[in-house]
Amino acid sequence: MFDLLTRRTNYEPLLNDLFDDVWRTTNNFSRNLGIDLPYNMDETEKEYSLEIALPGFTKKDISIKFEDNLLFISHNSDETGEDFSWKHSFKKSFKLPNNIVSNKITAKFEDGILKVIVPKKVEATKVVNVEIK
């Protein structure tokens, strides 16, 4: 009996590593579907644009929120079946500068690509002639 316990102890580090790897993968999966969400962010004079690849989703699956110069893109869902219960979610945030018009943010989802447009505030540049005295 002692040999059996000793043998089990010898495998303990291997099993711990295995379960740690599984836990890390599961934890990442629940946080962001197990992958870093691929995205492109671009800036022009008039706007910031953000494109995120979300294959397999529909627009009903995705939530977009803007608060305190942070743009949050998230997903939460629960699936239950006869033999399973499944929860998955992700949340990604993007810090944006102060020069945006938050009530004009638009989003479009097409062919697995979410495109978010964040307009910039238009700052009027006035040319003023200064009189020399």
N, C-alpha and C. Protein backbone atom coordinates (compact mmCIF):
# COMPACT_ATOMS: atom_id res chain seq x y z
N MET A 1 0.82 -1.20 0.00
CA MET A 1 0.00 0.00 0.00
C MET A 1 0.86 1.26 0.00
N PHE A 2 1.96 1.22 0.76
CA PHE A 2 2.85 2.37 0.81
C PHE A 2 3.45 2.67 -0.57
N ASP A 3 3.81 1.60 -1.31
CA ASP A 3 4.36 1.78 -2.66
C ASP A 3 3.36 2.45 -3.59
N LEU A 4 2.10 2.10 -3.45
CA LEU A 4 1.06 2.70 -4.28
C LEU A 4 0.94 4.20 -4.01
N LEU A 5 0.99 4.58 -2.74
CA LEU A 5 0.93 6.00 -2.39
C LEU A 5 2.16 6.74 -2.89
N THR A 6 3.31 6.13 -2.77
CA THR A 6 4.54 6.73 -3.24
C THR A 6 4.50 6.91 -4.75
N ARG A 7 4.04 5.92 -5.44
CA ARG A 7 3.95 6.00 -6.89
C ARG A 7 3.01 7.14 -7.30
N ARG A 8 1.88 7.28 -6.62
CA ARG A 8 0.93 8.36 -6.93
C ARG A 8 1.58 9.72 -6.70
N THR A 9 2.36 9.83 -5.67
CA THR A 9 3.04 11.09 -5.37
C THR A 9 4.02 11.45 -6.47
N ASN A 10 4.67 10.46 -7.06
CA ASN A 10 5.62 10.73 -8.13
C ASN A 10 4.94 11.32 -9.36
N TYR A 11 3.68 10.98 -9.57
CA TYR A 11 2.94 11.52 -10.71
C TYR A 11 2.27 12.85 -10.40
N GLU A 12 2.28 13.22 -9.16
CA GLU A 12 1.57 14.43 -8.75
C GLU A 12 2.03 15.68 -9.49
N PRO A 13 3.35 15.94 -9.64
CA PRO A 13 3.76 17.14 -10.39
C PRO A 13 3.26 17.13 -11.83
N LEU A 14 3.31 15.96 -12.45
CA LEU A 14 2.83 15.84 -13.83
C LEU A 14 1.34 16.15 -13.92
N LEU A 15 0.57 15.58 -12.99
CA LEU A 15 -0.88 15.85 -12.99
C LEU A 15 -1.17 17.30 -12.67
N ASN A 16 -0.43 17.88 -11.74
CA ASN A 16 -0.63 19.30 -11.43
C ASN A 16 -0.37 20.17 -12.65
N ASP A 17 0.71 19.87 -13.37
CA ASP A 17 1.00 20.62 -14.59
C ASP A 17 -0.12 20.46 -15.62
N LEU A 18 -0.60 19.25 -15.77
CA LEU A 18 -1.67 18.98 -16.71
C LEU A 18 -2.92 19.78 -16.34
N PHE A 19 -3.31 19.72 -15.06
CA PHE A 19 -4.52 20.44 -14.66
C PHE A 19 -4.31 21.95 -14.68
N ASP A 20 -3.09 22.40 -14.39
CA ASP A 20 -2.81 23.83 -14.51
C ASP A 20 -2.98 24.29 -15.95
N ASP A 21 -2.47 23.49 -16.90
CA ASP A 21 -2.63 23.84 -18.31
C ASP A 21 -4.10 23.87 -18.71
N VAL A 22 -4.85 22.87 -18.27
CA VAL A 22 -6.29 22.83 -18.57
C VAL A 22 -6.98 24.03 -17.95
N TRP A 23 -6.64 24.36 -16.71
CA TRP A 23 -7.27 25.50 -16.04
C TRP A 23 -6.95 26.79 -16.78
N ARG A 24 -5.69 26.97 -17.16
CA ARG A 24 -5.32 28.19 -17.89
C ARG A 24 -6.09 28.30 -19.20
N THR A 25 -6.18 27.20 -19.92
CA THR A 25 -6.92 27.20 -21.18
C THR A 25 -8.40 27.49 -20.94
N THR A 26 -8.98 26.84 -19.94
CA THR A 26 -10.39 27.07 -19.63
C THR A 26 -10.63 28.50 -19.19
N ASN A 27 -9.73 29.02 -18.37
CA ASN A 27 -9.87 30.38 -17.89
C ASN A 27 -9.78 31.36 -19.05
N ASN A 28 -8.82 31.18 -19.95
CA ASN A 28 -8.71 32.04 -21.11
C ASN A 28 -9.93 31.91 -22.01
N PHE A 29 -10.41 30.69 -22.17
CA PHE A 29 -11.56 30.47 -23.03
C PHE A 29 -12.77 31.22 -22.50
N SER A 30 -13.00 31.15 -21.20
CA SER A 30 -14.16 31.85 -20.64
C SER A 30 -13.97 33.35 -20.70
N ARG A 31 -12.73 33.80 -20.68
CA ARG A 31 -12.48 35.23 -20.71
C ARG A 31 -12.54 35.77 -22.12
N ASN A 32 -11.94 35.08 -23.06
CA ASN A 32 -11.93 35.63 -24.42
C ASN A 32 -11.93 34.56 -25.49
N LEU A 33 -12.67 33.51 -25.27
CA LEU A 33 -12.84 32.44 -26.24
C LEU A 33 -11.53 31.72 -26.57
N GLY A 34 -10.54 31.81 -25.70
CA GLY A 34 -9.30 31.08 -25.88
C GLY A 34 -8.34 31.68 -26.89
N ILE A 35 -8.70 32.80 -27.46
CA ILE A 35 -7.82 33.44 -28.43
C ILE A 35 -7.84 34.94 -28.16
N ASP A 36 -6.81 35.60 -28.59
CA ASP A 36 -6.86 37.05 -28.58
C ASP A 36 -7.68 37.47 -29.78
N LEU A 37 -8.64 38.30 -29.55
CA LEU A 37 -9.51 38.72 -30.65
C LEU A 37 -8.70 39.56 -31.63
N PRO A 38 -8.61 39.11 -32.87
CA PRO A 38 -7.86 39.90 -33.85
C PRO A 38 -8.63 41.17 -34.20
N TYR A 39 -7.92 42.29 -34.19
CA TYR A 39 -8.59 43.55 -34.52
C TYR A 39 -7.61 44.49 -35.22
N ASN A 40 -8.19 45.44 -35.94
CA ASN A 40 -7.44 46.52 -36.57
C ASN A 40 -8.05 47.82 -36.11
N MET A 41 -7.19 48.76 -35.75
CA MET A 41 -7.67 50.08 -35.37
C MET A 41 -6.96 51.09 -36.26
N ASP A 42 -7.75 52.03 -36.78
CA ASP A 42 -7.20 53.02 -37.71
C ASP A 42 -7.71 54.40 -37.30
N GLU A 43 -6.96 55.40 -37.67
CA GLU A 43 -7.34 56.78 -37.36
C GLU A 43 -7.20 57.63 -38.60
N THR A 44 -8.24 58.44 -38.84
CA THR A 44 -8.18 59.44 -39.90
C THR A 44 -8.40 60.79 -39.26
N GLU A 45 -8.47 61.83 -40.07
CA GLU A 45 -8.73 63.17 -39.53
C GLU A 45 -10.09 63.25 -38.85
N LYS A 46 -11.06 62.49 -39.36
CA LYS A 46 -12.44 62.60 -38.91
C LYS A 46 -12.88 61.55 -37.90
N GLU A 47 -12.18 60.39 -37.85
CA GLU A 47 -12.70 59.31 -37.03
C GLU A 47 -11.64 58.27 -36.67
N TYR A 48 -12.03 57.46 -35.72
CA TYR A 48 -11.29 56.23 -35.40
C TYR A 48 -12.17 55.09 -35.90
N SER A 49 -11.56 54.08 -36.48
CA SER A 49 -12.34 52.91 -36.88
C SER A 49 -11.69 51.67 -36.29
N LEU A 50 -12.53 50.76 -35.88
CA LEU A 50 -12.10 49.53 -35.24
C LEU A 50 -12.80 48.37 -35.92
N GLU A 51 -12.04 47.38 -36.34
CA GLU A 51 -12.61 46.17 -36.93
C GLU A 51 -12.14 44.98 -36.11
N ILE A 52 -13.10 44.15 -35.71
CA ILE A 52 -12.80 42.96 -34.90
C ILE A 52 -13.40 41.75 -35.60
N ALA A 53 -12.60 40.71 -35.75
CA ALA A 53 -13.08 39.46 -36.34
C ALA A 53 -13.79 38.64 -35.27
N LEU A 54 -15.07 38.35 -35.50
CA LEU A 54 -15.89 37.56 -34.58
C LEU A 54 -16.65 36.49 -35.38
N PRO A 55 -15.93 35.55 -35.96
CA PRO A 55 -16.61 34.53 -36.77
C PRO A 55 -17.51 33.66 -35.91
N GLY A 56 -18.65 33.30 -36.46
CA GLY A 56 -19.59 32.43 -35.74
C GLY A 56 -20.58 33.17 -34.86
N PHE A 57 -20.44 34.48 -34.76
CA PHE A 57 -21.35 35.27 -33.95
C PHE A 57 -22.39 35.96 -34.82
N THR A 58 -23.44 36.43 -34.18
CA THR A 58 -24.42 37.30 -34.83
C THR A 58 -24.40 38.62 -34.09
N LYS A 59 -25.04 39.63 -34.65
CA LYS A 59 -25.04 40.92 -33.97
C LYS A 59 -25.79 40.87 -32.64
N LYS A 60 -26.70 39.92 -32.49
CA LYS A 60 -27.43 39.76 -31.23
C LYS A 60 -26.53 39.22 -30.12
N ASP A 61 -25.42 38.58 -30.51
CA ASP A 61 -24.49 38.00 -29.54
C ASP A 61 -23.57 39.03 -28.91
N ILE A 62 -23.48 40.21 -29.50
CA ILE A 62 -22.44 41.18 -29.14
C ILE A 62 -23.07 42.42 -28.50
N SER A 63 -22.38 42.94 -27.51
CA SER A 63 -22.80 44.16 -26.83
C SER A 63 -21.67 45.18 -26.91
N ILE A 64 -22.03 46.43 -27.18
CA ILE A 64 -21.05 47.51 -27.25
C ILE A 64 -21.50 48.61 -26.30
N LYS A 65 -20.56 49.07 -25.48
CA LYS A 65 -20.86 50.11 -24.49
C LYS A 65 -19.69 51.09 -24.46
N PHE A 66 -19.99 52.37 -24.31
CA PHE A 66 -18.95 53.38 -24.19
C PHE A 66 -19.13 54.11 -22.87
N GLU A 67 -18.05 54.17 -22.09
CA GLU A 67 -18.12 54.83 -20.79
C GLU A 67 -16.73 55.29 -20.38
N ASP A 68 -16.63 56.54 -19.96
CA ASP A 68 -15.36 57.10 -19.47
C ASP A 68 -14.20 56.89 -20.44
N ASN A 69 -14.44 57.19 -21.68
CA ASN A 69 -13.45 57.05 -22.76
C ASN A 69 -12.98 55.62 -22.98
N LEU A 70 -13.76 54.66 -22.54
CA LEU A 70 -13.48 53.26 -22.81
C LEU A 70 -14.61 52.67 -23.64
N LEU A 71 -14.23 52.01 -24.71
CA LEU A 71 -15.18 51.32 -25.56
C LEU A 71 -15.11 49.84 -25.19
N PHE A 72 -16.23 49.28 -24.72
CA PHE A 72 -16.29 47.89 -24.30
C PHE A 72 -17.05 47.08 -25.35
N ILE A 73 -16.47 45.98 -25.76
CA ILE A 73 -17.14 45.05 -26.66
C ILE A 73 -17.18 43.72 -25.91
N SER A 74 -18.39 43.17 -25.76
CA SER A 74 -18.50 41.97 -24.93
C SER A 74 -19.54 41.00 -25.49
N HIS A 75 -19.49 39.81 -24.92
CA HIS A 75 -20.41 38.73 -25.28
C HIS A 75 -20.60 37.86 -24.04
N ASN A 76 -21.83 37.52 -23.74
CA ASN A 76 -22.16 36.57 -22.67
C ASN A 76 -23.26 35.66 -23.18
N SER A 77 -23.10 34.37 -22.95
CA SER A 77 -24.17 33.46 -23.31
C SER A 77 -24.14 32.23 -22.43
N ASP A 78 -25.30 31.67 -22.25
CA ASP A 78 -25.48 30.43 -21.52
C ASP A 78 -26.18 29.46 -22.46
N GLU A 79 -25.65 28.27 -22.55
CA GLU A 79 -26.29 27.23 -23.34
C GLU A 79 -26.51 26.04 -22.43
N THR A 80 -27.69 25.49 -22.50
CA THR A 80 -27.96 24.29 -21.72
C THR A 80 -28.60 23.26 -22.63
N GLY A 81 -28.24 22.06 -22.38
CA GLY A 81 -28.79 20.94 -23.13
C GLY A 81 -29.17 19.84 -22.16
N GLU A 82 -29.49 18.73 -22.71
CA GLU A 82 -29.89 17.60 -21.88
C GLU A 82 -28.77 17.15 -20.95
N ASP A 83 -27.54 17.13 -21.49
CA ASP A 83 -26.41 16.62 -20.73
C ASP A 83 -25.34 17.65 -20.42
N PHE A 84 -25.62 18.93 -20.71
CA PHE A 84 -24.55 19.91 -20.51
C PHE A 84 -25.12 21.28 -20.16
N SER A 85 -24.25 22.06 -19.57
CA SER A 85 -24.52 23.47 -19.32
C SER A 85 -23.24 24.21 -19.67
N TRP A 86 -23.32 25.23 -20.49
CA TRP A 86 -22.14 25.88 -21.03
C TRP A 86 -22.28 27.38 -20.91
N LYS A 87 -21.29 28.03 -20.34
CA LYS A 87 -21.25 29.49 -20.26
C LYS A 87 -20.00 29.95 -20.97
N HIS A 88 -20.13 30.95 -21.79
CA HIS A 88 -18.93 31.54 -22.35
C HIS A 88 -19.13 33.04 -22.51
N SER A 89 -18.02 33.74 -22.42
CA SER A 89 -18.07 35.19 -22.50
C SER A 89 -16.71 35.74 -22.89
N PHE A 90 -16.72 36.97 -23.35
CA PHE A 90 -15.48 37.71 -23.52
C PHE A 90 -15.80 39.18 -23.34
N LYS A 91 -14.78 39.92 -23.02
CA LYS A 91 -14.92 41.37 -22.88
C LYS A 91 -13.59 41.99 -23.28
N LYS A 92 -13.65 42.90 -24.20
CA LYS A 92 -12.46 43.60 -24.67
C LYS A 92 -12.72 45.08 -24.55
N SER A 93 -11.74 45.82 -24.07
CA SER A 93 -11.92 47.27 -23.94
C SER A 93 -10.82 48.00 -24.70
N PHE A 94 -11.19 49.18 -25.18
CA PHE A 94 -10.27 50.03 -25.93
C PHE A 94 -10.33 51.42 -25.33
N LYS A 95 -9.18 51.95 -24.94
CA LYS A 95 -9.09 53.31 -24.40
C LYS A 95 -9.06 54.28 -25.57
N LEU A 96 -9.97 55.25 -25.53
CA LEU A 96 -10.05 56.25 -26.59
C LEU A 96 -9.71 57.63 -26.03
N PRO A 97 -9.20 58.51 -26.85
CA PRO A 97 -8.86 59.86 -26.38
C PRO A 97 -10.10 60.70 -26.10
N ASN A 98 -9.88 61.89 -25.60
CA ASN A 98 -10.99 62.78 -25.23
C ASN A 98 -11.67 63.45 -26.41
N ASN A 99 -11.08 63.40 -27.58
CA ASN A 99 -11.60 64.17 -28.72
C ASN A 99 -12.63 63.40 -29.55
N ILE A 100 -13.54 62.69 -28.92
CA ILE A 100 -14.54 61.92 -29.67
C ILE A 100 -15.95 62.42 -29.40
N VAL A 101 -16.85 62.05 -30.30
CA VAL A 101 -18.28 62.38 -30.15
C VAL A 101 -18.98 61.06 -29.80
N SER A 102 -19.20 60.85 -28.51
CA SER A 102 -19.68 59.54 -28.05
C SER A 102 -21.10 59.22 -28.53
N ASN A 103 -21.96 60.21 -28.69
CA ASN A 103 -23.33 59.92 -29.11
C ASN A 103 -23.45 59.67 -30.61
N LYS A 104 -22.35 59.71 -31.33
CA LYS A 104 -22.35 59.46 -32.78
C LYS A 104 -21.59 58.16 -33.13
N ILE A 105 -21.25 57.36 -32.14
CA ILE A 105 -20.57 56.09 -32.41
C ILE A 105 -21.53 55.16 -33.13
N THR A 106 -21.04 54.52 -34.19
CA THR A 106 -21.87 53.57 -34.94
C THR A 106 -21.14 52.23 -35.04
N ALA A 107 -21.93 51.19 -35.25
CA ALA A 107 -21.36 49.86 -35.40
C ALA A 107 -22.14 49.09 -36.45
N LYS A 108 -21.42 48.24 -37.18
CA LYS A 108 -22.02 47.40 -38.20
C LYS A 108 -21.37 46.02 -38.11
N PHE A 109 -22.19 44.98 -38.21
CA PHE A 109 -21.66 43.62 -38.15
C PHE A 109 -22.04 42.90 -39.44
N GLU A 110 -21.01 42.43 -40.16
CA GLU A 110 -21.25 41.79 -41.44
C GLU A 110 -20.16 40.74 -41.71
N ASP A 111 -20.59 39.56 -42.09
CA ASP A 111 -19.67 38.47 -42.44
C ASP A 111 -18.63 38.19 -41.36
N GLY A 112 -19.07 38.23 -40.10
CA GLY A 112 -18.16 37.91 -39.00
C GLY A 112 -17.22 39.02 -38.60
N ILE A 113 -17.39 40.20 -39.18
CA ILE A 113 -16.52 41.34 -38.86
C ILE A 113 -17.38 42.44 -38.23
N LEU A 114 -16.99 42.86 -37.05
CA LEU A 114 -17.65 43.99 -36.38
C LEU A 114 -16.83 45.24 -36.69
N LYS A 115 -17.49 46.25 -37.24
CA LYS A 115 -16.82 47.52 -37.54
C LYS A 115 -17.47 48.62 -36.71
N VAL A 116 -16.65 49.28 -35.90
CA VAL A 116 -17.12 50.36 -35.05
C VAL A 116 -16.45 51.65 -35.51
N ILE A 117 -17.27 52.67 -35.73
CA ILE A 117 -16.77 53.98 -36.14
C ILE A 117 -16.99 54.96 -34.99
N VAL A 118 -15.91 55.62 -34.60
CA VAL A 118 -15.96 56.59 -33.50
C VAL A 118 -15.53 57.94 -34.07
N PRO A 119 -16.51 58.85 -34.29
CA PRO A 119 -16.17 60.15 -34.87
C PRO A 119 -15.39 61.03 -33.90
N LYS A 120 -14.53 61.85 -34.46
CA LYS A 120 -13.77 62.82 -33.67
C LYS A 120 -14.54 64.13 -33.62
N LYS A 121 -14.30 64.89 -32.57
CA LYS A 121 -14.86 66.24 -32.49
C LYS A 121 -14.16 67.09 -33.53
N VAL A 122 -14.96 67.88 -34.21
CA VAL A 122 -14.39 68.79 -35.20
C VAL A 122 -14.03 70.07 -34.48
N GLU A 123 -12.75 70.34 -34.50
CA GLU A 123 -12.29 71.57 -33.85
C GLU A 123 -12.07 72.62 -34.93
N ALA A 124 -12.82 73.67 -34.81
CA ALA A 124 -12.69 74.73 -35.80
C ALA A 124 -11.38 75.46 -35.56
N THR A 125 -10.61 75.53 -36.58
CA THR A 125 -9.37 76.29 -36.48
C THR A 125 -9.61 77.65 -37.12
N LYS A 126 -9.53 78.62 -36.30
CA LYS A 126 -9.76 79.98 -36.77
C LYS A 126 -8.44 80.65 -37.08
N VAL A 127 -8.43 81.31 -38.19
CA VAL A 127 -7.26 82.12 -38.52
C VAL A 127 -7.57 83.53 -38.08
N VAL A 128 -6.73 84.03 -37.25
CA VAL A 128 -6.95 85.37 -36.72
C VAL A 128 -5.75 86.24 -37.12
N ASN A 129 -6.08 87.33 -37.74
CA ASN A 129 -5.03 88.30 -38.06
C ASN A 129 -4.75 89.14 -36.82
N VAL A 130 -3.50 89.21 -36.48
CA VAL A 130 -3.12 89.96 -35.28
C VAL A 130 -2.55 91.31 -35.73
N GLU A 131 -3.12 92.35 -35.17
CA GLU A 131 -2.68 93.70 -35.53
C GLU A 131 -1.37 94.00 -34.81
N ILE A 132 -0.46 94.55 -35.54
CA ILE A 132 0.83 94.96 -34.96
C ILE A 132 0.74 96.44 -34.62
N LYS A 133 1.07 96.76 -33.39
CA LYS A 133 1.00 98.16 -32.94
C LYS A 133 2.36 98.76 -32.82
